[in-house]
Amino acid sequence: MGQRRDNAISLYLEAIRDGNYVEAINTYAGARYTQHSTPVKDGKEGFIEFFADFVQRNPTREIEIIRAFEDGPYVFLHVVQILDDGRYRYVTADIFDTDEDCKLIEHWDIIEELRDTTAGGRSQVDGPTENSDLDKTEDNKQLVIRFVNEVLLAGDYDRLPEFMTSDYAEHSPDVADGIESLEAYALETEMRYVELHRIVGAGNFVAILAESESDGKRRAVIDLFRLENGKIVEHWNVVEEITPEDTWVNSGKF
C-alpha cells in the first residue's frame, strides 16, 4: 500500500520480532523520533535502550500484523504480540507519523492483554482485514468525527442508531454485539470520551486516538471502526490506563 506502511511494518518485524533493533531504528526512523509509549524515551537512543532490555527479557517474540493502512503521512497498525512462548500475549494499536522521505518520526501506541474469552464471543482482532471503498475515505472519516463529537464526547448514547447498525459487530472484550450492549456498558461504567487527539483512515477503516474516562479512571484508547454504506458496522479497540505522570519517560500518551 506504500513505503510508509512498509517502513512501519519493517520496524515491528525487524526490531521487535527479529531483535535487530539498532539497525532497524536507524534504517526506518527519521532525523527525530518522538515517542508516546510512556516507558520509552524519545529518539533513536531511547528506542535502542528500551529494546535492548526488552529482547533480553523476552527471548521468544512472535509478531503478527493484522491490519495496516496509510493516510497521508500517517500509518496505522493493528498487531498481536506473543512473548516468551505465550507467557505474555498482547494486542497493540499503533499510529506513526512520517516525514517527506517516508521515515518514521513520531509514534503513539496502546497495548492491552489478549483475553481468552470476550463478552461477544469474538476475539479482539478477528474479522475483515482488507481495505476497500478507498474513494469513501474522507466521507467515512467525517462520519466518525461526527460520531465522536456528537455521541462519545457528548455522552448522548441515544443517538447511536444514527451512526451504527443495530447489530454491529463488537470486538471490545467487555461488550457484546449491538447498540443495546454498548449503551448499557457506557452507562454502567459512566464511560465518556474527553478528547479526540488524532484520526486516520483508509476507505472502510477509520481509527481514532482518544482520551476517555470510565470507572473513575483515565484511559488512552485507539478505536478502529469498519464502515459500510455510511454506518459503522464493526468496532475494535485497544485500551490502556494512563499511569501517573511521574512514571513517564517522555511527554505522555498523546
Protein backbone atom coordinates (compact mmCIF):
# COMPACT_ATOMS: atom_id res chain seq x y z
CA MET A 1 0.00 0.00 0.00
CA GLY A 2 3.01 2.28 0.31
CA GLN A 3 6.52 2.88 1.59
CA ARG A 4 5.33 4.45 4.85
CA ARG A 5 3.28 1.36 5.70
CA ASP A 6 6.16 -0.90 4.72
CA ASN A 7 8.59 1.03 6.94
CA ALA A 8 6.32 0.78 9.98
CA ILE A 9 5.80 -2.95 9.47
CA SER A 10 9.52 -3.48 8.92
CA LEU A 11 10.35 -1.69 12.17
CA TYR A 12 7.99 -4.01 14.04
CA LEU A 13 9.26 -7.20 12.44
CA GLU A 14 12.96 -6.44 12.28
CA ALA A 15 13.34 -4.62 15.60
CA ILE A 16 10.88 -6.43 17.85
CA ARG A 17 10.44 -9.86 16.28
CA ASP A 18 13.97 -10.36 14.98
CA GLY A 19 15.82 -8.37 17.66
CA ASN A 20 17.71 -6.16 15.19
CA TYR A 21 16.56 -3.01 16.95
CA VAL A 22 19.69 -0.89 16.34
CA GLU A 23 19.79 -1.45 12.59
CA ALA A 24 16.01 -1.21 12.24
CA ILE A 25 15.53 2.12 14.05
CA ASN A 26 18.48 3.63 12.18
CA THR A 27 17.04 2.43 8.88
CA TYR A 28 13.38 3.35 9.28
CA ALA A 29 13.32 6.40 11.61
CA GLY A 30 13.88 9.98 10.52
CA ALA A 31 16.01 12.74 11.98
CA ARG A 32 13.78 12.82 15.07
CA TYR A 33 11.74 10.06 16.66
CA THR A 34 9.20 11.38 19.16
CA GLN A 35 7.83 8.64 21.39
CA HIS A 36 4.47 8.42 23.18
CA SER A 37 4.82 4.89 24.55
CA THR A 38 5.42 6.10 28.09
CA PRO A 39 8.18 3.61 29.13
CA VAL A 40 10.30 4.52 26.06
CA LYS A 41 12.44 7.64 25.84
CA ASP A 42 12.42 9.90 22.78
CA GLY A 43 14.87 9.44 19.96
CA LYS A 44 16.66 6.51 18.39
CA GLU A 45 18.79 6.18 21.51
CA GLY A 46 15.66 5.79 23.67
CA PHE A 47 14.31 3.11 21.34
CA ILE A 48 17.59 1.19 21.43
CA GLU A 49 17.85 1.44 25.22
CA PHE A 50 14.33 0.08 25.72
CA PHE A 51 14.53 -2.78 23.25
CA ALA A 52 17.96 -3.95 24.39
CA ASP A 53 16.30 -4.79 27.71
CA PHE A 54 13.02 -5.94 26.08
CA VAL A 55 14.75 -8.50 23.86
CA GLN A 56 16.76 -9.79 26.82
CA ARG A 57 13.62 -10.21 28.91
CA ASN A 58 11.60 -11.80 26.09
CA PRO A 59 13.79 -14.30 24.26
CA THR A 60 10.96 -15.52 22.00
CA ARG A 61 8.84 -12.99 20.16
CA GLU A 62 6.05 -13.69 17.67
CA ILE A 63 4.58 -10.72 15.82
CA GLU A 64 1.51 -10.82 13.57
CA ILE A 65 0.42 -7.70 11.68
CA ILE A 66 -3.37 -7.99 11.48
CA ARG A 67 -4.32 -4.70 9.81
CA ALA A 68 -2.26 -1.91 8.27
CA PHE A 69 -3.03 1.19 6.24
CA GLU A 70 -1.72 4.63 5.33
CA ASP A 71 -3.45 8.00 5.50
CA GLY A 72 -1.24 10.73 4.07
CA PRO A 73 1.84 10.85 6.33
CA TYR A 74 0.25 8.57 8.92
CA VAL A 75 0.35 4.78 9.28
CA PHE A 76 -1.98 2.62 11.36
CA LEU A 77 -1.08 -0.90 12.53
CA HIS A 78 -3.13 -3.48 14.43
CA VAL A 79 -0.77 -6.10 15.85
CA VAL A 80 -0.66 -9.24 18.00
CA GLN A 81 2.46 -9.91 20.08
CA ILE A 82 3.14 -13.29 21.69
CA LEU A 83 6.16 -13.20 24.01
CA ASP A 84 8.05 -15.86 25.94
CA ASP A 85 6.26 -18.79 24.28
CA GLY A 86 2.87 -17.38 25.20
CA ARG A 87 3.63 -16.20 28.72
CA TYR A 88 2.67 -12.68 27.62
CA ARG A 89 0.03 -12.03 24.94
CA TYR A 90 -0.85 -8.54 23.76
CA VAL A 91 -2.86 -6.70 21.15
CA THR A 92 -1.36 -3.38 20.10
CA ALA A 93 -2.67 -0.49 18.02
CA ASP A 94 -0.04 1.91 16.69
CA ILE A 95 -0.08 5.20 14.80
CA PHE A 96 3.10 6.54 13.20
CA ASP A 97 3.78 9.94 11.64
CA THR A 98 6.36 10.11 8.85
CA ASP A 99 8.49 12.69 7.08
CA GLU A 100 8.69 13.51 3.37
CA ASP A 101 11.13 10.62 2.88
CA CYS A 102 8.61 8.17 4.40
CA LYS A 103 10.78 7.76 7.51
CA LEU A 104 9.07 7.33 10.91
CA ILE A 105 9.25 10.44 13.10
CA GLU A 106 6.58 10.01 15.80
CA HIS A 107 4.84 7.05 17.41
CA TRP A 108 1.72 6.54 19.52
CA ASP A 109 0.63 3.13 20.79
CA ILE A 110 -1.90 1.47 23.04
CA ILE A 111 -1.24 -2.02 24.44
CA GLU A 112 -3.72 -4.40 26.07
CA GLU A 113 -3.57 -8.03 27.13
CA LEU A 114 -5.23 -10.57 24.85
CA ARG A 115 -8.09 -12.34 26.59
CA ASP A 116 -9.24 -15.90 26.06
CA THR A 117 -12.92 -15.03 26.38
CA THR A 118 -14.92 -11.91 25.49
CA ALA A 119 -18.47 -10.74 26.09
CA GLY A 120 -19.47 -11.24 22.47
CA GLY A 121 -17.53 -14.41 21.75
CA ARG A 122 -15.33 -12.70 19.18
CA SER A 123 -11.59 -12.27 19.53
CA GLN A 124 -10.06 -8.82 19.96
CA VAL A 125 -8.58 -8.94 16.44
CA ASP A 126 -10.63 -11.25 14.21
CA GLY A 127 -12.83 -10.05 11.36
CA PRO A 128 -12.17 -8.40 7.98
CA THR A 129 -8.68 -7.09 7.32
CA GLU A 130 -8.74 -5.79 3.75
CA ASN A 131 -9.23 -2.14 2.81
CA SER A 132 -12.00 -1.30 0.37
CA ASP A 133 -14.02 1.77 -0.67
CA LEU A 134 -10.92 3.95 -0.80
CA ASP A 135 -12.94 6.62 -2.59
CA LYS A 136 -15.04 6.97 0.59
CA THR A 137 -12.12 7.67 2.93
CA GLU A 138 -12.92 11.31 3.65
CA ASP A 139 -16.68 10.71 3.97
CA ASN A 140 -16.05 7.90 6.44
CA LYS A 141 -13.58 9.97 8.46
CA GLN A 142 -16.08 12.82 8.67
CA LEU A 143 -18.80 10.45 9.85
CA VAL A 144 -16.53 9.10 12.60
CA ILE A 145 -15.60 12.65 13.65
CA ARG A 146 -19.31 13.44 13.99
CA PHE A 147 -19.84 10.19 15.93
CA VAL A 148 -17.06 11.08 18.37
CA ASN A 149 -18.18 14.67 18.83
CA GLU A 150 -21.94 14.14 18.94
CA VAL A 151 -22.12 10.78 20.76
CA LEU A 152 -18.91 9.86 22.59
CA LEU A 153 -17.81 13.32 23.75
CA ALA A 154 -21.37 14.45 24.38
CA GLY A 155 -22.36 11.21 26.11
CA ASP A 156 -25.53 11.12 24.00
CA TYR A 157 -25.86 7.37 23.52
CA ASP A 158 -29.48 7.71 22.39
CA ARG A 159 -28.02 8.79 19.04
CA LEU A 160 -26.07 5.57 18.43
CA PRO A 161 -28.56 4.39 15.76
CA GLU A 162 -27.71 7.42 13.62
CA PHE A 163 -24.14 6.19 13.23
CA MET A 164 -24.10 2.42 13.84
CA THR A 165 -26.08 -0.53 12.56
CA SER A 166 -28.21 -2.06 15.31
CA ASP A 167 -26.37 -5.39 15.15
CA TYR A 168 -22.85 -4.06 14.58
CA ALA A 169 -20.01 -6.50 15.37
CA GLU A 170 -18.11 -5.72 18.58
CA HIS A 171 -14.59 -6.90 19.46
CA SER A 172 -14.11 -4.95 22.70
CA PRO A 173 -13.76 -7.76 25.26
CA ASP A 174 -16.30 -6.35 27.74
CA VAL A 175 -19.06 -5.51 25.22
CA ALA A 176 -21.27 -7.84 23.20
CA ASP A 177 -22.53 -7.14 19.68
CA GLY A 178 -25.11 -4.46 19.04
CA ILE A 179 -26.10 -0.98 20.11
CA GLU A 180 -28.01 -2.06 23.23
CA SER A 181 -24.92 -3.73 24.71
CA LEU A 182 -22.72 -0.71 24.01
CA GLU A 183 -25.20 1.71 25.56
CA ALA A 184 -25.60 -0.49 28.66
CA TYR A 185 -21.83 -0.74 29.09
CA ALA A 186 -21.33 3.01 28.65
CA LEU A 187 -23.99 3.84 31.23
CA GLU A 188 -22.83 1.19 33.72
CA THR A 189 -19.18 2.31 33.64
CA GLU A 190 -20.00 6.02 33.23
CA MET A 191 -17.84 5.98 30.12
CA ARG A 192 -17.19 9.31 28.49
CA TYR A 193 -14.67 10.49 25.97
CA VAL A 194 -12.69 13.56 26.99
CA GLU A 195 -10.74 14.48 23.85
CA LEU A 196 -10.16 13.29 20.30
CA HIS A 197 -6.43 13.57 19.60
CA ARG A 198 -5.99 12.04 16.15
CA ILE A 199 -7.95 10.38 13.35
CA VAL A 200 -6.62 8.30 10.45
CA GLY A 201 -8.44 6.30 7.82
CA ALA A 202 -8.32 4.44 4.55
CA GLY A 203 -11.56 3.52 2.85
CA ASN A 204 -13.70 1.28 5.04
CA PHE A 205 -11.39 1.57 8.09
CA VAL A 206 -11.11 4.62 10.35
CA ALA A 207 -9.08 4.74 13.59
CA ILE A 208 -9.04 7.36 16.33
CA LEU A 209 -6.66 8.07 19.20
CA ALA A 210 -8.60 9.49 22.12
CA GLU A 211 -8.68 10.02 25.86
CA SER A 212 -11.57 8.55 27.81
CA GLU A 213 -12.76 8.07 31.37
CA SER A 214 -14.68 5.15 32.85
CA ASP A 215 -14.99 3.68 36.33
CA GLY A 216 -13.23 6.82 37.53
CA LYS A 217 -10.02 6.09 35.61
CA ARG A 218 -8.38 7.99 32.74
CA ARG A 219 -7.57 5.86 29.72
CA ALA A 220 -5.91 6.21 26.36
CA VAL A 221 -7.74 4.36 23.61
CA ILE A 222 -7.38 3.63 19.94
CA ASP A 223 -10.72 2.70 18.38
CA LEU A 224 -10.89 1.12 14.94
CA PHE A 225 -14.16 1.29 13.04
CA ARG A 226 -15.24 -0.52 9.86
CA LEU A 227 -17.89 1.27 7.84
CA GLU A 228 -20.32 0.24 5.12
CA ASN A 229 -22.83 2.45 3.36
CA GLY A 230 -22.34 5.38 5.70
CA LYS A 231 -22.63 3.50 9.02
CA ILE A 232 -20.32 1.78 11.49
CA VAL A 233 -20.72 -1.99 11.16
CA GLU A 234 -17.78 -3.25 13.23
CA HIS A 235 -15.57 -1.98 16.07
CA TRP A 236 -12.26 -2.96 17.66
CA ASN A 237 -10.44 -1.09 20.41
CA VAL A 238 -7.26 -1.22 22.45
CA VAL A 239 -7.42 0.49 25.84
CA GLU A 240 -4.68 1.37 28.31
CA GLU A 241 -4.96 3.10 31.67
CA ILE A 242 -2.96 6.33 31.79
CA THR A 243 -0.37 5.97 34.53
CA PRO A 244 0.73 8.86 36.81
CA GLU A 245 2.94 11.40 35.06
CA ASP A 246 5.92 10.60 37.27
CA THR A 247 6.07 7.13 35.65
CA TRP A 248 6.55 8.53 32.12
CA VAL A 249 9.93 8.97 30.47
CA ASN A 250 8.57 11.14 27.64
CA SER A 251 5.76 13.68 27.13
CA GLY A 252 2.95 11.14 27.53
CA LYS A 253 0.38 9.14 25.56
CA PHE A 254 -0.82 11.98 23.35
